[in-house]
Structure formats: structure tokens, C-alpha cells
Amino acid sequence: KEENRIIRKKKEDEQELKIKEAPKISSAMFLKFNNQLGPPFHVLVDTNFVNFAVKNRLDVIQAIPYITDCVMGELEKAGRRFKIALKVIKDNRFQRLKCDHKGTYADDCLVQRVTQ
């Protein structure tokens, strides 16, 4: 008897919400569709980024780089190792941001600025 049975498919309930998956879009496309964000970009720069930019000869000046006093102090304390990076950030095209705290790491200062 099992072999002779017809298996009927259940009719889909038309009132149920139909789920459609949106195609995945690269996050790099965000700036293409968001007209309010565009060059010149304001970039908050840390010690590691400046050092990376110097080593790889990146042109950071295409954007408007901002550097805090904490990052400047961190580069000055590093001495010879970051001598070229220190010369680069002393350029007038780098905007300086004043810090009103003492004894904070540069990373903590940047996180505090971004979350404000």
C-alpha cells in the first residue's frame, strides 16, 4: 500500500512572508553610493600608520591627516627608530589636535577621540 500512495506537496501559504536574499556588495562600494563622504578625507593618524606610510612611501597628504599631541610625543620618545616619521609629521599639512589629558597612551587617546 505504501508504494501506491501519492505524495502530495503542501500548498505554500500565500500569506507567509517571502524571504529574498540581497546580493552581497563589497564594503568598498559604500563610498561610491554615499555622496556625502568624499575627498578630501579627514584621517586620524597614529604612530604605526605614520611609520607604515614612510616605509611604503604612501602619499598621506592626499587626505587631510590629523595627529594628536600624544602620537607626536610617542614618536619623539621612540628616538632614532622613527626619526624620518617624525620629520614627516612636522609638515604643515598635518593638522595638530591638542590633548587635554596627561599620562595616556596614544592608542587610548585616539579611541577616546573617535568615540566622542
N, C-alpha and C. Protein backbone atom coordinates (compact mmCIF):
# COMPACT_ATOMS: atom_id res chain seq x y z
N LYS A 1 0.81 -1.20 0.00
CA LYS A 1 0.00 0.00 0.00
C LYS A 1 0.85 1.26 0.00
N GLU A 2 1.99 1.23 0.65
CA GLU A 2 2.87 2.39 0.72
C GLU A 2 3.36 2.77 -0.67
N GLU A 3 3.56 1.80 -1.51
CA GLU A 3 4.09 2.07 -2.84
C GLU A 3 3.06 2.76 -3.72
N ASN A 4 1.80 2.51 -3.50
CA ASN A 4 0.74 3.07 -4.32
C ASN A 4 0.28 4.45 -3.87
N ARG A 5 0.78 4.87 -2.74
CA ARG A 5 0.36 6.17 -2.21
C ARG A 5 0.97 7.32 -3.01
N ILE A 6 0.20 8.31 -3.22
CA ILE A 6 0.68 9.52 -3.91
C ILE A 6 1.06 10.54 -2.84
N ILE A 7 2.25 11.01 -2.96
CA ILE A 7 2.70 12.01 -2.01
C ILE A 7 2.37 13.37 -2.60
N ARG A 8 1.54 14.08 -1.90
CA ARG A 8 1.12 15.40 -2.37
C ARG A 8 1.93 16.47 -1.65
N LYS A 9 2.33 17.43 -2.42
CA LYS A 9 3.08 18.55 -1.85
C LYS A 9 2.09 19.52 -1.21
N LYS A 10 2.51 20.06 -0.10
CA LYS A 10 1.66 21.03 0.58
C LYS A 10 1.69 22.34 -0.20
N LYS A 11 0.55 22.95 -0.30
CA LYS A 11 0.49 24.24 -0.97
C LYS A 11 1.13 25.28 -0.05
N GLU A 12 1.92 26.15 -0.67
CA GLU A 12 2.58 27.20 0.11
C GLU A 12 1.55 28.21 0.55
N ASP A 13 1.69 28.62 1.78
CA ASP A 13 0.80 29.62 2.33
C ASP A 13 1.15 30.98 1.73
N GLU A 14 0.21 31.57 1.03
CA GLU A 14 0.47 32.83 0.33
C GLU A 14 0.63 33.99 1.30
N GLN A 15 0.16 33.83 2.52
CA GLN A 15 0.24 34.92 3.49
C GLN A 15 1.61 34.99 4.17
N GLU A 16 2.40 33.92 4.04
CA GLU A 16 3.73 33.94 4.62
C GLU A 16 4.62 34.94 3.89
N LEU A 17 5.54 35.52 4.62
CA LEU A 17 6.47 36.46 4.02
C LEU A 17 7.48 35.69 3.17
N LYS A 18 7.69 36.20 2.00
CA LYS A 18 8.69 35.58 1.15
C LYS A 18 10.04 36.22 1.46
N ILE A 19 11.02 35.37 1.69
CA ILE A 19 12.35 35.86 2.04
C ILE A 19 13.21 35.86 0.80
N LYS A 20 13.76 37.01 0.52
CA LYS A 20 14.66 37.15 -0.61
C LYS A 20 16.02 37.57 -0.07
N GLU A 21 17.04 36.95 -0.57
CA GLU A 21 18.37 37.32 -0.14
C GLU A 21 18.92 38.40 -1.08
N ALA A 22 19.41 39.47 -0.47
CA ALA A 22 20.01 40.54 -1.25
C ALA A 22 21.42 40.11 -1.65
N PRO A 23 21.84 40.50 -2.81
CA PRO A 23 23.20 40.13 -3.22
C PRO A 23 24.24 40.81 -2.32
N LYS A 24 25.34 40.12 -2.08
CA LYS A 24 26.41 40.67 -1.26
C LYS A 24 27.12 41.76 -2.05
N ILE A 25 27.33 42.89 -1.38
CA ILE A 25 28.00 44.02 -2.02
C ILE A 25 29.25 44.34 -1.21
N SER A 26 30.31 44.61 -1.89
CA SER A 26 31.57 44.94 -1.22
C SER A 26 31.42 46.21 -0.40
N SER A 27 32.08 46.24 0.76
CA SER A 27 32.02 47.43 1.60
C SER A 27 32.75 48.61 0.95
N ALA A 28 33.60 48.33 -0.02
CA ALA A 28 34.29 49.40 -0.73
C ALA A 28 33.31 50.22 -1.57
N MET A 29 32.17 49.67 -1.87
CA MET A 29 31.16 50.38 -2.67
C MET A 29 30.43 51.43 -1.84
N PHE A 30 30.62 51.42 -0.51
CA PHE A 30 29.92 52.35 0.36
C PHE A 30 30.19 53.80 -0.03
N LEU A 31 31.44 54.12 -0.27
CA LEU A 31 31.79 55.50 -0.61
C LEU A 31 31.30 55.89 -2.00
N LYS A 32 31.13 54.92 -2.86
CA LYS A 32 30.66 55.21 -4.21
C LYS A 32 29.20 55.67 -4.19
N PHE A 33 28.39 55.08 -3.30
CA PHE A 33 26.97 55.39 -3.25
C PHE A 33 26.63 56.47 -2.23
N ASN A 34 27.53 56.73 -1.29
CA ASN A 34 27.27 57.76 -0.29
C ASN A 34 27.95 59.05 -0.74
N ASN A 35 27.16 59.96 -1.26
CA ASN A 35 27.70 61.18 -1.85
C ASN A 35 28.23 62.16 -0.81
N GLN A 36 27.79 62.02 0.44
CA GLN A 36 28.21 62.96 1.47
C GLN A 36 29.65 62.72 1.92
N LEU A 37 30.14 61.52 1.71
CA LEU A 37 31.52 61.22 2.07
C LEU A 37 32.37 61.28 0.82
N GLY A 38 33.33 62.15 0.83
CA GLY A 38 34.18 62.26 -0.34
C GLY A 38 35.46 62.99 -0.01
N PRO A 39 36.35 63.03 -0.95
CA PRO A 39 37.62 63.70 -0.72
C PRO A 39 37.42 65.19 -0.48
N PRO A 40 38.23 65.84 0.22
CA PRO A 40 39.37 65.32 0.98
C PRO A 40 38.90 64.67 2.27
N PHE A 41 39.46 63.52 2.58
CA PHE A 41 39.10 62.77 3.77
C PHE A 41 39.90 63.29 4.96
N HIS A 42 39.29 63.32 6.12
CA HIS A 42 39.96 63.70 7.36
C HIS A 42 40.36 62.40 8.06
N VAL A 43 41.67 62.17 8.17
CA VAL A 43 42.17 60.90 8.68
C VAL A 43 42.91 61.13 9.99
N LEU A 44 42.48 60.43 11.03
CA LEU A 44 43.16 60.46 12.32
C LEU A 44 44.27 59.43 12.28
N VAL A 45 45.51 59.87 12.44
CA VAL A 45 46.69 59.04 12.19
C VAL A 45 47.36 58.67 13.51
N ASP A 46 47.85 57.43 13.60
CA ASP A 46 48.61 57.01 14.78
C ASP A 46 50.06 56.72 14.40
N THR A 47 50.84 56.35 15.39
CA THR A 47 52.27 56.13 15.20
C THR A 47 52.56 55.04 14.19
N ASN A 48 51.87 53.92 14.30
CA ASN A 48 52.11 52.79 13.41
C ASN A 48 51.77 53.14 11.96
N PHE A 49 50.69 53.90 11.76
CA PHE A 49 50.31 54.28 10.40
C PHE A 49 51.35 55.18 9.77
N VAL A 50 51.85 56.13 10.54
CA VAL A 50 52.87 57.04 10.01
C VAL A 50 54.12 56.25 9.62
N ASN A 51 54.54 55.33 10.49
CA ASN A 51 55.72 54.52 10.20
C ASN A 51 55.50 53.66 8.97
N PHE A 52 54.31 53.05 8.84
CA PHE A 52 53.98 52.23 7.68
C PHE A 52 53.98 53.08 6.40
N ALA A 53 53.43 54.28 6.49
CA ALA A 53 53.37 55.17 5.32
C ALA A 53 54.78 55.57 4.88
N VAL A 54 55.67 55.79 5.83
CA VAL A 54 57.04 56.16 5.48
C VAL A 54 57.76 54.98 4.84
N LYS A 55 57.61 53.81 5.43
CA LYS A 55 58.30 52.62 4.89
C LYS A 55 57.83 52.28 3.48
N ASN A 56 56.53 52.40 3.23
CA ASN A 56 55.96 52.01 1.95
C ASN A 56 55.75 53.20 1.00
N ARG A 57 56.24 54.36 1.39
CA ARG A 57 56.18 55.56 0.56
C ARG A 57 54.76 55.90 0.09
N LEU A 58 53.84 55.88 1.05
CA LEU A 58 52.45 56.25 0.75
C LEU A 58 52.31 57.76 0.79
N ASP A 59 51.47 58.28 -0.08
CA ASP A 59 51.21 59.71 -0.11
C ASP A 59 50.01 59.99 0.80
N VAL A 60 50.29 60.31 2.04
CA VAL A 60 49.25 60.54 3.04
C VAL A 60 48.61 61.90 2.86
N ILE A 61 49.28 62.81 2.18
CA ILE A 61 48.81 64.18 2.06
C ILE A 61 47.61 64.31 1.12
N GLN A 62 47.26 63.27 0.39
CA GLN A 62 46.06 63.32 -0.46
C GLN A 62 44.82 63.56 0.40
N ALA A 63 44.85 63.04 1.62
CA ALA A 63 43.79 63.28 2.59
C ALA A 63 44.27 64.39 3.52
N ILE A 64 43.45 64.75 4.49
CA ILE A 64 43.88 65.72 5.49
C ILE A 64 44.21 64.93 6.76
N PRO A 65 45.49 64.65 7.00
CA PRO A 65 45.86 63.85 8.17
C PRO A 65 45.83 64.69 9.44
N TYR A 66 45.23 64.11 10.50
CA TYR A 66 45.20 64.74 11.81
C TYR A 66 46.06 63.91 12.75
N ILE A 67 46.85 64.59 13.58
CA ILE A 67 47.72 63.90 14.51
C ILE A 67 47.58 64.56 15.88
N THR A 68 47.50 63.74 16.92
CA THR A 68 47.32 64.27 18.27
C THR A 68 48.68 64.51 18.91
N ASP A 69 48.67 65.27 19.99
CA ASP A 69 49.90 65.52 20.73
C ASP A 69 50.47 64.23 21.30
N CYS A 70 49.60 63.30 21.66
CA CYS A 70 50.05 62.01 22.21
C CYS A 70 50.86 61.23 21.18
N VAL A 71 50.39 61.21 19.95
CA VAL A 71 51.10 60.49 18.89
C VAL A 71 52.43 61.18 18.61
N MET A 72 52.42 62.50 18.62
CA MET A 72 53.65 63.26 18.41
C MET A 72 54.65 62.93 19.51
N GLY A 73 54.18 62.91 20.75
CA GLY A 73 55.06 62.59 21.88
C GLY A 73 55.60 61.17 21.80
N GLU A 74 54.75 60.24 21.36
CA GLU A 74 55.17 58.84 21.22
C GLU A 74 56.28 58.71 20.18
N LEU A 75 56.16 59.44 19.09
CA LEU A 75 57.21 59.40 18.06
C LEU A 75 58.50 60.06 18.55
N GLU A 76 58.38 61.12 19.33
CA GLU A 76 59.57 61.77 19.86
C GLU A 76 60.29 60.87 20.85
N LYS A 77 59.54 60.12 21.65
CA LYS A 77 60.14 59.20 22.63
C LYS A 77 60.82 58.02 21.95
N ALA A 78 60.35 57.64 20.78
CA ALA A 78 60.91 56.48 20.08
C ALA A 78 62.33 56.75 19.60
N GLY A 79 62.68 58.00 19.43
CA GLY A 79 64.05 58.36 19.07
C GLY A 79 64.41 58.07 17.64
N ARG A 80 65.59 57.49 17.45
CA ARG A 80 66.14 57.28 16.10
C ARG A 80 65.27 56.40 15.23
N ARG A 81 64.59 55.47 15.85
CA ARG A 81 63.82 54.48 15.08
C ARG A 81 62.75 55.15 14.21
N PHE A 82 62.14 56.22 14.72
CA PHE A 82 61.08 56.90 13.99
C PHE A 82 61.49 58.31 13.58
N LYS A 83 62.77 58.51 13.34
CA LYS A 83 63.28 59.84 13.02
C LYS A 83 62.66 60.40 11.74
N ILE A 84 62.57 59.59 10.70
CA ILE A 84 62.00 60.05 9.43
C ILE A 84 60.50 60.30 9.58
N ALA A 85 59.81 59.43 10.32
CA ALA A 85 58.38 59.61 10.54
C ALA A 85 58.12 60.91 11.29
N LEU A 86 58.98 61.24 12.23
CA LEU A 86 58.84 62.49 12.98
C LEU A 86 59.01 63.71 12.06
N LYS A 87 59.93 63.63 11.13
CA LYS A 87 60.10 64.72 10.16
C LYS A 87 58.87 64.88 9.28
N VAL A 88 58.28 63.75 8.91
CA VAL A 88 57.10 63.78 8.04
C VAL A 88 55.92 64.45 8.74
N ILE A 89 55.69 64.10 10.00
CA ILE A 89 54.50 64.65 10.67
C ILE A 89 54.69 66.09 11.13
N LYS A 90 55.91 66.59 11.11
CA LYS A 90 56.12 68.00 11.45
C LYS A 90 55.80 68.92 10.27
N ASP A 91 55.39 68.33 9.15
CA ASP A 91 54.99 69.09 7.98
C ASP A 91 53.74 69.91 8.30
N ASN A 92 53.61 71.07 7.70
CA ASN A 92 52.46 71.95 7.95
C ASN A 92 51.13 71.35 7.49
N ARG A 93 51.18 70.42 6.57
CA ARG A 93 49.95 69.84 6.04
C ARG A 93 49.29 68.87 7.01
N PHE A 94 50.02 68.43 8.03
CA PHE A 94 49.43 67.63 9.09
C PHE A 94 48.76 68.56 10.08
N GLN A 95 47.49 68.31 10.35
CA GLN A 95 46.75 69.13 11.31
C GLN A 95 47.00 68.59 12.72
N ARG A 96 47.31 69.47 13.66
CA ARG A 96 47.59 69.05 15.03
C ARG A 96 46.33 69.18 15.87
N LEU A 97 46.06 68.17 16.69
CA LEU A 97 44.95 68.19 17.64
C LEU A 97 45.52 68.22 19.05
N LYS A 98 45.06 69.14 19.86
CA LYS A 98 45.55 69.28 21.23
C LYS A 98 44.90 68.23 22.13
N CYS A 99 45.70 67.69 23.05
CA CYS A 99 45.19 66.75 24.04
C CYS A 99 45.14 67.45 25.39
N ASP A 100 44.05 67.28 26.11
CA ASP A 100 43.91 67.94 27.41
C ASP A 100 44.08 66.95 28.57
N HIS A 101 44.74 65.85 28.34
CA HIS A 101 44.98 64.86 29.38
C HIS A 101 46.47 64.58 29.49
N LYS A 102 46.85 63.89 30.54
CA LYS A 102 48.26 63.55 30.71
C LYS A 102 48.36 62.07 31.06
N GLY A 103 49.45 61.46 30.62
CA GLY A 103 49.73 60.08 31.00
C GLY A 103 48.88 59.03 30.31
N THR A 104 48.31 59.34 29.16
CA THR A 104 47.51 58.37 28.43
C THR A 104 48.29 57.89 27.22
N TYR A 105 48.16 56.61 26.92
CA TYR A 105 48.79 56.09 25.71
C TYR A 105 48.14 56.72 24.49
N ALA A 106 48.89 56.79 23.41
CA ALA A 106 48.37 57.39 22.18
C ALA A 106 47.17 56.61 21.66
N ASP A 107 47.20 55.28 21.78
CA ASP A 107 46.08 54.46 21.31
C ASP A 107 44.81 54.77 22.09
N ASP A 108 44.93 54.91 23.41
CA ASP A 108 43.76 55.24 24.24
C ASP A 108 43.23 56.62 23.90
N CYS A 109 44.12 57.55 23.61
CA CYS A 109 43.72 58.91 23.23
C CYS A 109 42.91 58.88 21.93
N LEU A 110 43.39 58.12 20.95
CA LEU A 110 42.69 58.04 19.66
C LEU A 110 41.32 57.40 19.82
N VAL A 111 41.24 56.34 20.63
CA VAL A 111 39.95 55.68 20.87
C VAL A 111 38.98 56.65 21.53
N GLN A 112 39.49 57.42 22.48
CA GLN A 112 38.65 58.40 23.17
C GLN A 112 38.13 59.46 22.20
N ARG A 113 38.99 59.91 21.30
CA ARG A 113 38.56 60.92 20.31
C ARG A 113 37.51 60.38 19.35
N VAL A 114 37.69 59.14 18.93
CA VAL A 114 36.76 58.56 17.95
C VAL A 114 35.39 58.31 18.59
N THR A 115 35.37 57.92 19.84
CA THR A 115 34.10 57.61 20.50
C THR A 115 33.36 58.85 20.99
N GLN A 116 33.98 60.02 20.93
CA GLN A 116 33.29 61.24 21.38
C GLN A 116 32.22 61.65 20.42
